[in-house]
Each structure stands twice: as C-alpha cells, then as structure tokens.
C-alpha cells in the first residue's frame, strides 16, 4: 500500500512539473522578443491645422543632435534608440515641409530623450516619454526650449503579446511627443 502511494505521489509530482514547464514554454512563446520602436510608427503624418507653422520655419529646420535613447535588448523590453528617434523626427519634418536643404538649416533642433516611464506588465500599457527639445536660431541662440511629457496607452486589443503592446505604447508616446512639439512650433514667434 505504501509503495503504491509513493508511486502515485511521484506521478502527480511529475505531472505537475510537466504542466508548469508547459505553461512556461507557452508564456515564453506568447511574450516574444522585445523589438525596438519602429521609426515609421513614431513619425507623424501631415495634418491640417488651423494654425500653420510660422513662415521662417518652412524648409529651414533640421535635426542636429539626438541623445538619451537606449538600444533594445531582445531579452528585456522595447526601447527607443537615438537613430530611430532621429529618423522619426526627420520624416515628420519632411512631411510638414519644415526640413531645410543641405546647408540650409537656419533652425537646428537638439533632442534629448530624458526617459520612458514604462509599466512592468499589464493588459493596457501606458508609456510616458519625457523629451527635451531645443531649437536654435540662425545666430546659434536658443529660441525654443521645451520639455514635453507625452503619455500613450496601447490596449490589450491592440496586441496580444505584452512585448508588442509595450512597443506600440513607446511608438505612440514618441509620436504624441513630436505632435506636441509641432504644436509648440506653430505657436512660437521666430525672429
């Protein structure tokens, strides 16, 4: 009798161990690897606005420096790197007809990604980007200094995998930050 009980307990323990291992493998497969934010998804498309950009900005702006971004470790969480942020901003400037020609940049922009406030986990994931934008005039003096905090929430229905939802939230937060920066440009009065 005791031998049969030991055999049964051993089978139950083995069965539970197998179930736990199976659950871990399934969860790892569902979570996927973390990917960097896509520059195309962070860029903003041209939008109609009641307030146009000031005339001096048209075809006169460029991205000079981008700093503060982080490379994504595929085994960790999605991040926004400097190269991707630069590409998103350049594309956004191009679509708004703000990009200057080579050598024709009267208003250089320096961007510092101060950080991304990201959730550890969750169904709906909200990321808050903290970005410092500095625009300089043709004499090299700071013209516009703005630190923008931009939240964006990726919902569970947007992507099943948590790593993908976090990537979508990163992209949306940077896209919203660029849009808010453009709103500040529209309201400014360049010399």
Foldseek 3Di string as FASTA:
>chain_A
DVVVVVVVVVVVVVVVVVVVVVVVVVLDVQQFWADEAALVLQADADDDDPQAFPPVQAQAEAEDEEEAWDHGDRRAAYTYHRVSLRSRLVVNCVNSRRHHDVVRHQKYKYKYFNDWDWDPFDQKTKIWTWMWIWIAGNVRHTQDIDIDIFIDIQHNVNGVHGRVRRSSRNSVNSSVVSVVVVVVSSPGDDD
